[in-house]
Amino acid sequence: MTSYIVIALFAIGIGIGWFLRDKEKTRKNIDTAVTWSVYLLLFLLGISVGVNKDIINNFSQIGYQAFWLTFGAVAGSVLIAWGVYHFFFKVKN
């Protein structure tokens, strides 16, 4: 049931975005709201990790795995973003 809600909200957002695509000021305000929403979600995630005693007690074991997982995810994302930019968006002279 939850996945249907997520898909429906995503579809509604796409529809609203389609109607607002030519409104530059609205788009900038939405971009700012999205950025601050991500910051808020990261903050709340940090709080939820901080109050979880199992995570805090096993942080030394989880830390190394989390570091390498994060490093791999960031490195992979940067590599893929570079490739997409290079092949699809870079202006050829």
PDB file of N, CA and C in Angstrom:
ATOM      1  N   MET A   1       0.829  -1.201   0.000  1.00  0.00           N
ATOM      2  CA  MET A   1       0.000   0.000   0.000  1.00  0.00           C
ATOM      3  C   MET A   1       0.866   1.255   0.000  1.00  0.00           C
ATOM      4  N   THR A   2       1.950   1.232   0.771  1.00  0.00           N
ATOM      5  CA  THR A   2       2.816   2.406   0.859  1.00  0.00           C
ATOM      6  C   THR A   2       3.435   2.739  -0.485  1.00  0.00           C
ATOM      7  N   SER A   3       3.811   1.710  -1.251  1.00  0.00           N
ATOM      8  CA  SER A   3       4.422   1.985  -2.549  1.00  0.00           C
ATOM      9  C   SER A   3       3.443   2.673  -3.494  1.00  0.00           C
ATOM     10  N   TYR A   4       2.163   2.365  -3.390  1.00  0.00           N
ATOM     11  CA  TYR A   4       1.167   3.043  -4.220  1.00  0.00           C
ATOM     12  C   TYR A   4       1.058   4.518  -3.863  1.00  0.00           C
ATOM     13  N   ILE A   5       1.173   4.816  -2.579  1.00  0.00           N
ATOM     14  CA  ILE A   5       1.133   6.214  -2.139  1.00  0.00           C
ATOM     15  C   ILE A   5       2.333   6.966  -2.689  1.00  0.00           C
ATOM     16  N   VAL A   6       3.509   6.352  -2.611  1.00  0.00           N
ATOM     17  CA  VAL A   6       4.722   6.998  -3.120  1.00  0.00           C
ATOM     18  C   VAL A   6       4.610   7.233  -4.618  1.00  0.00           C
ATOM     19  N   ILE A   7       4.169   6.249  -5.359  1.00  0.00           N
ATOM     20  CA  ILE A   7       4.020   6.392  -6.805  1.00  0.00           C
ATOM     21  C   ILE A   7       2.978   7.453  -7.147  1.00  0.00           C
ATOM     22  N   ALA A   8       1.868   7.467  -6.420  1.00  0.00           N
ATOM     23  CA  ALA A   8       0.825   8.466  -6.670  1.00  0.00           C
ATOM     24  C   ALA A   8       1.337   9.876  -6.383  1.00  0.00           C
ATOM     25  N   LEU A   9       2.050  10.055  -5.276  1.00  0.00           N
ATOM     26  CA  LEU A   9       2.596  11.373  -4.960  1.00  0.00           C
ATOM     27  C   LEU A   9       3.613  11.815  -6.007  1.00  0.00           C
ATOM     28  N   PHE A  10       4.426  10.881  -6.472  1.00  0.00           N
ATOM     29  CA  PHE A  10       5.397  11.187  -7.507  1.00  0.00           C
ATOM     30  C   PHE A  10       4.689  11.621  -8.793  1.00  0.00           C
ATOM     31  N   ALA A  11       3.654  10.888  -9.177  1.00  0.00           N
ATOM     32  CA  ALA A  11       2.906  11.228 -10.392  1.00  0.00           C
ATOM     33  C   ALA A  11       2.218  12.585 -10.257  1.00  0.00           C
ATOM     34  N   ILE A  12       1.648  12.859  -9.112  1.00  0.00           N
ATOM     35  CA  ILE A  12       1.003  14.160  -8.883  1.00  0.00           C
ATOM     36  C   ILE A  12       2.037  15.275  -8.964  1.00  0.00           C
ATOM     37  N   GLY A  13       3.215  15.044  -8.370  1.00  0.00           N
ATOM     38  CA  GLY A  13       4.288  16.032  -8.437  1.00  0.00           C
ATOM     39  C   GLY A  13       4.738  16.301  -9.858  1.00  0.00           C
ATOM     40  N   ILE A  14       4.834  15.252 -10.660  1.00  0.00           N
ATOM     41  CA  ILE A  14       5.203  15.433 -12.063  1.00  0.00           C
ATOM     42  C   ILE A  14       4.145  16.275 -12.781  1.00  0.00           C
ATOM     43  N   GLY A  15       2.888  15.982 -12.514  1.00  0.00           N
ATOM     44  CA  GLY A  15       1.815  16.752 -13.142  1.00  0.00           C
ATOM     45  C   GLY A  15       1.850  18.220 -12.752  1.00  0.00           C
ATOM     46  N   ILE A  16       2.021  18.506 -11.487  1.00  0.00           N
ATOM     47  CA  ILE A  16       2.090  19.896 -11.028  1.00  0.00           C
ATOM     48  C   ILE A  16       3.326  20.575 -11.609  1.00  0.00           C
ATOM     49  N   GLY A  17       4.447  19.849 -11.610  1.00  0.00           N
ATOM     50  CA  GLY A  17       5.672  20.400 -12.193  1.00  0.00           C
ATOM     51  C   GLY A  17       5.523  20.728 -13.662  1.00  0.00           C
ATOM     52  N   TRP A  18       4.771  19.906 -14.382  1.00  0.00           N
ATOM     53  CA  TRP A  18       4.554  20.145 -15.804  1.00  0.00           C
ATOM     54  C   TRP A  18       3.804  21.459 -16.023  1.00  0.00           C
ATOM     55  N   PHE A  19       2.822  21.730 -15.164  1.00  0.00           N
ATOM     56  CA  PHE A  19       2.066  22.977 -15.287  1.00  0.00           C
ATOM     57  C   PHE A  19       2.895  24.195 -14.873  1.00  0.00           C
ATOM     58  N   LEU A  20       3.860  24.002 -13.962  1.00  0.00           N
ATOM     59  CA  LEU A  20       4.660  25.117 -13.456  1.00  0.00           C
ATOM     60  C   LEU A  20       6.008  25.250 -14.153  1.00  0.00           C
ATOM     61  N   ARG A  21       6.249  24.513 -15.219  1.00  0.00           N
ATOM     62  CA  ARG A  21       7.570  24.468 -15.840  1.00  0.00           C
ATOM     63  C   ARG A  21       8.029  25.794 -16.419  1.00  0.00           C
ATOM     64  N   ASP A  22       7.131  26.681 -16.765  1.00  0.00           N
ATOM     65  CA  ASP A  22       7.505  27.962 -17.361  1.00  0.00           C
ATOM     66  C   ASP A  22       7.597  29.092 -16.338  1.00  0.00           C
ATOM     67  N   LYS A  23       7.356  28.816 -15.110  1.00  0.00           N
ATOM     68  CA  LYS A  23       7.384  29.838 -14.064  1.00  0.00           C
ATOM     69  C   LYS A  23       8.729  29.762 -13.335  1.00  0.00           C
ATOM     70  N   GLU A  24       9.663  30.617 -13.754  1.00  0.00           N
ATOM     71  CA  GLU A  24      11.040  30.571 -13.250  1.00  0.00           C
ATOM     72  C   GLU A  24      11.125  30.847 -11.745  1.00  0.00           C
ATOM     73  N   LYS A  25      10.394  31.855 -11.267  1.00  0.00           N
ATOM     74  CA  LYS A  25      10.456  32.212  -9.845  1.00  0.00           C
ATOM     75  C   LYS A  25       9.914  31.068  -8.977  1.00  0.00           C
ATOM     76  N   THR A  26       8.827  30.462  -9.405  1.00  0.00           N
ATOM     77  CA  THR A  26       8.254  29.330  -8.663  1.00  0.00           C
ATOM     78  C   THR A  26       9.223  28.164  -8.645  1.00  0.00           C
ATOM     79  N   ARG A  27       9.880  27.922  -9.768  1.00  0.00           N
ATOM     80  CA  ARG A  27      10.828  26.817  -9.847  1.00  0.00           C
ATOM     81  C   ARG A  27      12.016  27.035  -8.906  1.00  0.00           C
ATOM     82  N   LYS A  28      12.509  28.263  -8.833  1.00  0.00           N
ATOM     83  CA  LYS A  28      13.613  28.566  -7.920  1.00  0.00           C
ATOM     84  C   LYS A  28      13.187  28.376  -6.467  1.00  0.00           C
ATOM     85  N   ASN A  29      11.960  28.793  -6.136  1.00  0.00           N
ATOM     86  CA  ASN A  29      11.457  28.605  -4.772  1.00  0.00           C
ATOM     87  C   ASN A  29      11.306  27.126  -4.441  1.00  0.00           C
ATOM     88  N   ILE A  30      10.865  26.332  -5.398  1.00  0.00           N
ATOM     89  CA  ILE A  30      10.727  24.891  -5.182  1.00  0.00           C
ATOM     90  C   ILE A  30      12.099  24.255  -4.996  1.00  0.00           C
ATOM     91  N   ASP A  31      13.080  24.682  -5.795  1.00  0.00           N
ATOM     92  CA  ASP A  31      14.444  24.164  -5.633  1.00  0.00           C
ATOM     93  C   ASP A  31      14.988  24.458  -4.243  1.00  0.00           C
ATOM     94  N   THR A  32      14.744  25.667  -3.752  1.00  0.00           N
ATOM     95  CA  THR A  32      15.186  26.027  -2.406  1.00  0.00           C
ATOM     96  C   THR A  32      14.480  25.180  -1.357  1.00  0.00           C
ATOM     97  N   ALA A  33      13.178  24.975  -1.523  1.00  0.00           N
ATOM     98  CA  ALA A  33      12.412  24.157  -0.573  1.00  0.00           C
ATOM     99  C   ALA A  33      12.903  22.715  -0.582  1.00  0.00           C
ATOM    100  N   VAL A  34      13.229  22.183  -1.744  1.00  0.00           N
ATOM    101  CA  VAL A  34      13.743  20.814  -1.835  1.00  0.00           C
ATOM    102  C   VAL A  34      15.085  20.708  -1.117  1.00  0.00           C
ATOM    103  N   THR A  35      15.962  21.683  -1.318  1.00  0.00           N
ATOM    104  CA  THR A  35      17.271  21.669  -0.658  1.00  0.00           C
ATOM    105  C   THR A  35      17.109  21.660   0.852  1.00  0.00           C
ATOM    106  N   TRP A  36      16.267  22.525   1.371  1.00  0.00           N
ATOM    107  CA  TRP A  36      16.073  22.591   2.824  1.00  0.00           C
ATOM    108  C   TRP A  36      15.364  21.342   3.352  1.00  0.00           C
ATOM    109  N   SER A  37      14.505  20.747   2.546  1.00  0.00           N
ATOM    110  CA  SER A  37      13.854  19.498   2.945  1.00  0.00           C
ATOM    111  C   SER A  37      14.873  18.371   3.072  1.00  0.00           C
ATOM    112  N   VAL A  38      15.826  18.326   2.152  1.00  0.00           N
ATOM    113  CA  VAL A  38      16.884  17.315   2.234  1.00  0.00           C
ATOM    114  C   VAL A  38      17.723  17.537   3.487  1.00  0.00           C
ATOM    115  N   TYR A  39      18.066  18.785   3.776  1.00  0.00           N
ATOM    116  CA  TYR A  39      18.812  19.083   5.006  1.00  0.00           C
ATOM    117  C   TYR A  39      18.044  18.613   6.235  1.00  0.00           C
ATOM    118  N   LEU A  40      16.741  18.889   6.266  1.00  0.00           N
ATOM    119  CA  LEU A  40      15.915  18.482   7.402  1.00  0.00           C
ATOM    120  C   LEU A  40      15.873  16.958   7.525  1.00  0.00           C
ATOM    121  N   LEU A  41      15.719  16.265   6.408  1.00  0.00           N
ATOM    122  CA  LEU A  41      15.694  14.798   6.450  1.00  0.00           C
ATOM    123  C   LEU A  41      17.018  14.225   6.940  1.00  0.00           C
ATOM    124  N   LEU A  42      18.138  14.802   6.505  1.00  0.00           N
ATOM    125  CA  LEU A  42      19.441  14.341   6.992  1.00  0.00           C
ATOM    126  C   LEU A  42      19.599  14.593   8.482  1.00  0.00           C
ATOM    127  N   PHE A  43      19.130  15.736   8.947  1.00  0.00           N
ATOM    128  CA  PHE A  43      19.171  16.043  10.378  1.00  0.00           C
ATOM    129  C   PHE A  43      18.342  15.038  11.172  1.00  0.00           C
ATOM    130  N   LEU A  44      17.135  14.762  10.704  1.00  0.00           N
ATOM    131  CA  LEU A  44      16.276  13.799  11.394  1.00  0.00           C
ATOM    132  C   LEU A  44      16.860  12.389  11.351  1.00  0.00           C
ATOM    133  N   LEU A  45      17.501  12.034  10.248  1.00  0.00           N
ATOM    134  CA  LEU A  45      18.186  10.744  10.170  1.00  0.00           C
ATOM    135  C   LEU A  45      19.307  10.674  11.193  1.00  0.00           C
ATOM    136  N   GLY A  46      20.061  11.746  11.333  1.00  0.00           N
ATOM    137  CA  GLY A  46      21.116  11.797  12.350  1.00  0.00           C
ATOM    138  C   GLY A  46      20.561  11.623  13.753  1.00  0.00           C
ATOM    139  N   ILE A  47      19.438  12.247  14.034  1.00  0.00           N
ATOM    140  CA  ILE A  47      18.805  12.081  15.351  1.00  0.00           C
ATOM    141  C   ILE A  47      18.382  10.630  15.569  1.00  0.00           C
ATOM    142  N   SER A  48      17.781  10.019  14.539  1.00  0.00           N
ATOM    143  CA  SER A  48      17.328   8.636  14.700  1.00  0.00           C
ATOM    144  C   SER A  48      18.501   7.680  14.891  1.00  0.00           C
ATOM    145  N   VAL A  49      19.621   7.950  14.257  1.00  0.00           N
ATOM    146  CA  VAL A  49      20.816   7.132  14.485  1.00  0.00           C
ATOM    147  C   VAL A  49      21.344   7.371  15.893  1.00  0.00           C
ATOM    148  N   GLY A  50      21.353   8.605  16.322  1.00  0.00           N
ATOM    149  CA  GLY A  50      21.872   8.940  17.647  1.00  0.00           C
ATOM    150  C   GLY A  50      21.087   8.330  18.795  1.00  0.00           C
ATOM    151  N   VAL A  51      19.790   8.154  18.644  1.00  0.00           N
ATOM    152  CA  VAL A  51      18.992   7.592  19.731  1.00  0.00           C
ATOM    153  C   VAL A  51      18.914   6.072  19.688  1.00  0.00           C
ATOM    154  N   ASN A  52      19.426   5.461  18.614  1.00  0.00           N
ATOM    155  CA  ASN A  52      19.398   4.012  18.488  1.00  0.00           C
ATOM    156  C   ASN A  52      20.609   3.421  19.209  1.00  0.00           C
ATOM    157  N   LYS A  53      20.373   2.779  20.362  1.00  0.00           N
ATOM    158  CA  LYS A  53      21.466   2.259  21.186  1.00  0.00           C
ATOM    159  C   LYS A  53      22.236   1.144  20.479  1.00  0.00           C
ATOM    160  N   ASP A  54      21.564   0.344  19.679  1.00  0.00           N
ATOM    161  CA  ASP A  54      22.256  -0.733  18.964  1.00  0.00           C
ATOM    162  C   ASP A  54      23.288  -0.169  17.985  1.00  0.00           C
ATOM    163  N   ILE A  55      22.925   0.872  17.296  1.00  0.00           N
ATOM    164  CA  ILE A  55      23.864   1.479  16.349  1.00  0.00           C
ATOM    165  C   ILE A  55      25.028   2.115  17.098  1.00  0.00           C
ATOM    166  N   ILE A  56      24.738   2.840  18.143  1.00  0.00           N
ATOM    167  CA  ILE A  56      25.799   3.515  18.900  1.00  0.00           C
ATOM    168  C   ILE A  56      26.740   2.500  19.542  1.00  0.00           C
ATOM    169  N   ASN A  57      26.207   1.421  20.110  1.00  0.00           N
ATOM    170  CA  ASN A  57      27.050   0.412  20.759  1.00  0.00           C
ATOM    171  C   ASN A  57      27.917  -0.356  19.763  1.00  0.00           C
ATOM    172  N   ASN A  58      27.467  -0.513  18.540  1.00  0.00           N
ATOM    173  CA  ASN A  58      28.219  -1.246  17.516  1.00  0.00           C
ATOM    174  C   ASN A  58      28.827  -0.321  16.478  1.00  0.00           C
ATOM    175  N   PHE A  59      29.011   0.927  16.845  1.00  0.00           N
ATOM    176  CA  PHE A  59      29.476   1.917  15.884  1.00  0.00           C
ATOM    177  C   PHE A  59      30.859   1.595  15.320  1.00  0.00           C
ATOM    178  N   SER A  60      31.735   1.014  16.151  1.00  0.00           N
ATOM    179  CA  SER A  60      33.077   0.694  15.660  1.00  0.00           C
ATOM    180  C   SER A  60      33.013  -0.367  14.562  1.00  0.00           C
ATOM    181  N   GLN A  61      32.130  -1.344  14.702  1.00  0.00           N
ATOM    182  CA  GLN A  61      31.994  -2.371  13.664  1.00  0.00           C
ATOM    183  C   GLN A  61      31.268  -1.825  12.441  1.00  0.00           C
ATOM    184  N   ILE A  62      30.238  -1.061  12.679  1.00  0.00           N
ATOM    185  CA  ILE A  62      29.445  -0.511  11.582  1.00  0.00           C
ATOM    186  C   ILE A  62      30.222   0.578  10.855  1.00  0.00           C
ATOM    187  N   GLY A  63      31.075   1.295  11.567  1.00  0.00           N
ATOM    188  CA  GLY A  63      31.788   2.442  11.008  1.00  0.00           C
ATOM    189  C   GLY A  63      32.606   2.120   9.775  1.00  0.00           C
ATOM    190  N   TYR A  64      33.410   1.053   9.834  1.00  0.00           N
ATOM    191  CA  TYR A  64      34.245   0.699   8.685  1.00  0.00           C
ATOM    192  C   TYR A  64      33.396   0.298   7.483  1.00  0.00           C
ATOM    193  N   GLN A  65      32.391  -0.511   7.727  1.00  0.00           N
ATOM    194  CA  GLN A  65      31.515  -0.915   6.630  1.00  0.00           C
ATOM    195  C   GLN A  65      30.788   0.294   6.047  1.00  0.00           C
ATOM    196  N   ALA A  66      30.305   1.172   6.921  1.00  0.00           N
ATOM    197  CA  ALA A  66      29.593   2.365   6.462  1.00  0.00           C
ATOM    198  C   ALA A  66      30.523   3.278   5.666  1.00  0.00           C
ATOM    199  N   PHE A  67      31.778   3.393   6.134  1.00  0.00           N
ATOM    200  CA  PHE A  67      32.730   4.237   5.418  1.00  0.00           C
ATOM    201  C   PHE A  67      32.952   3.731   3.997  1.00  0.00           C
ATOM    202  N   TRP A  68      33.232   2.454   3.857  1.00  0.00           N
ATOM    203  CA  TRP A  68      33.513   1.909   2.528  1.00  0.00           C
ATOM    204  C   TRP A  68      32.267   1.901   1.648  1.00  0.00           C
ATOM    205  N   LEU A  69      31.123   1.653   2.227  1.00  0.00           N
ATOM    206  CA  LEU A  69      29.884   1.715   1.461  1.00  0.00           C
ATOM    207  C   LEU A  69      29.629   3.137   0.973  1.00  0.00           C
ATOM    208  N   THR A  70      29.814   4.106   1.846  1.00  0.00           N
ATOM    209  CA  THR A  70      29.626   5.506   1.475  1.00  0.00           C
ATOM    210  C   THR A  70      30.649   5.936   0.433  1.00  0.00           C
ATOM    211  N   PHE A  71      31.905   5.547   0.640  1.00  0.00           N
ATOM    212  CA  PHE A  71      32.952   5.891  -0.308  1.00  0.00           C
ATOM    213  C   PHE A  71      32.646   5.324  -1.697  1.00  0.00           C
ATOM    214  N   GLY A  72      32.238   4.066  -1.733  1.00  0.00           N
ATOM    215  CA  GLY A  72      31.901   3.445  -3.013  1.00  0.00           C
ATOM    216  C   GLY A  72      30.708   4.105  -3.680  1.00  0.00           C
ATOM    217  N   ALA A  73      29.697   4.454  -2.888  1.00  0.00           N
ATOM    218  CA  ALA A  73      28.505   5.104  -3.443  1.00  0.00           C
ATOM    219  C   ALA A  73      28.837   6.480  -4.009  1.00  0.00           C
ATOM    220  N   VAL A  74      29.618   7.251  -3.273  1.00  0.00           N
ATOM    221  CA  VAL A  74      29.986   8.589  -3.745  1.00  0.00           C
ATOM    222  C   VAL A  74      30.882   8.492  -4.972  1.00  0.00           C
ATOM    223  N   ALA A  75      31.884   7.617  -4.925  1.00  0.00           N
ATOM    224  CA  ALA A  75      32.787   7.467  -6.069  1.00  0.00           C
ATOM    225  C   ALA A  75      32.018   6.994  -7.307  1.00  0.00           C
ATOM    226  N   GLY A  76      31.129   6.043  -7.134  1.00  0.00           N
ATOM    227  CA  GLY A  76      30.327   5.570  -8.257  1.00  0.00           C
ATOM    228  C   GLY A  76      29.415   6.650  -8.805  1.00  0.00           C
ATOM    229  N   SER A  77      28.808   7.426  -7.926  1.00  0.00           N
ATOM    230  CA  SER A  77      27.926   8.511  -8.364  1.00  0.00           C
ATOM    231  C   SER A  77      28.696   9.570  -9.136  1.00  0.00           C
ATOM    232  N   VAL A  78      29.887   9.925  -8.645  1.00  0.00           N
ATOM    233  CA  VAL A  78      30.707  10.923  -9.337  1.00  0.00           C
ATOM    234  C   VAL A  78      31.125  10.395 -10.707  1.00  0.00           C
ATOM    235  N   LEU A  79      31.531   9.143 -10.757  1.00  0.00           N
ATOM    236  CA  LEU A  79      31.953   8.543 -12.023  1.00  0.00           C
ATOM    237  C   LEU A  79      30.802   8.513 -13.031  1.00  0.00           C
ATOM    238  N   ILE A  80      29.639   8.078 -12.607  1.00  0.00           N
ATOM    239  CA  ILE A  80      28.483   8.024 -13.497  1.00  0.00           C
ATOM    240  C   ILE A  80      28.046   9.427 -13.914  1.00  0.00           C
ATOM    241  N   ALA A  81      28.044  10.381 -12.980  1.00  0.00           N
ATOM    242  CA  ALA A  81      27.668  11.756 -13.317  1.00  0.00           C
ATOM    243  C   ALA A  81      28.641  12.341 -14.336  1.00  0.00           C
ATOM    244  N   TRP A  82      29.941  12.081 -14.167  1.00  0.00           N
ATOM    245  CA  TRP A  82      30.917  12.553 -15.132  1.00  0.00           C
ATOM    246  C   TRP A  82      30.651  11.951 -16.506  1.00  0.00           C
ATOM    247  N   GLY A  83      30.383  10.654 -16.541  1.00  0.00           N
ATOM    248  CA  GLY A  83      30.112   9.986 -17.809  1.00  0.00           C
ATOM    249  C   GLY A  83      28.873  10.524 -18.490  1.00  0.00           C
ATOM    250  N   VAL A  84      27.819  10.728 -17.742  1.00  0.00           N
ATOM    251  CA  VAL A  84      26.581  11.271 -18.317  1.00  0.00           C
ATOM    252  C   VAL A  84      26.822  12.682 -18.842  1.00  0.00           C
ATOM    253  N   TYR A  85      27.516  13.501 -18.066  1.00  0.00           N
ATOM    254  CA  TYR A  85      27.812  14.861 -18.522  1.00  0.00           C
ATOM    255  C   TYR A  85      28.667  14.826 -19.788  1.00  0.00           C
ATOM    256  N   HIS A  86      29.695  14.005 -19.759  1.00  0.00           N
ATOM    257  CA  HIS A  86      30.628  13.945 -20.887  1.00  0.00           C
ATOM    258  C   HIS A  86      29.952  13.482 -22.165  1.00  0.00           C
ATOM    259  N   PHE A  87      29.100  12.483 -22.076  1.00  0.00           N
ATOM    260  CA  PHE A  87      28.501  11.905 -23.283  1.00  0.00           C
ATOM    261  C   PHE A  87      27.213  12.600 -23.739  1.00  0.00           C
ATOM    262  N   PHE A  88      26.480  13.222 -22.810  1.00  0.00           N
ATOM    263  CA  PHE A  88      25.183  13.773 -23.190  1.00  0.00           C
ATOM    264  C   PHE A  88      25.078  15.297 -23.134  1.00  0.00           C
ATOM    265  N   PHE A  89      25.848  15.951 -22.284  1.00  0.00           N
ATOM    266  CA  PHE A  89      25.639  17.387 -22.073  1.00  0.00           C
ATOM    267  C   PHE A  89      26.815  18.267 -22.480  1.00  0.00           C
ATOM    268  N   LYS A  90      27.981  17.708 -22.640  1.00  0.00           N
ATOM    269  CA  LYS A  90      29.147  18.516 -22.970  1.00  0.00           C
ATOM    270  C   LYS A  90      29.033  19.022 -24.403  1.00  0.00           C
ATOM    271  N   VAL A  91      29.247  20.315 -24.572  1.00  0.00           N
ATOM    272  CA  VAL A  91      29.174  20.940 -25.887  1.00  0.00           C
ATOM    273  C   VAL A  91      30.479  20.642 -26.617  1.00  0.00           C
ATOM    274  N   LYS A  92      30.363  20.082 -27.798  1.00  0.00           N
ATOM    275  CA  LYS A  92      31.549  19.725 -28.591  1.00  0.00           C
ATOM    276  C   LYS A  92      31.938  20.917 -29.454  1.00  0.00           C
ATOM    277  N   ASN A  93      33.206  21.270 -29.391  1.00  0.00           N
ATOM    278  CA  ASN A  93      33.717  22.403 -30.187  1.00  0.00           C
ATOM    279  C   ASN A  93      34.266  21.915 -31.513  1.00  0.00           C
TER     280      ASN A  93
END
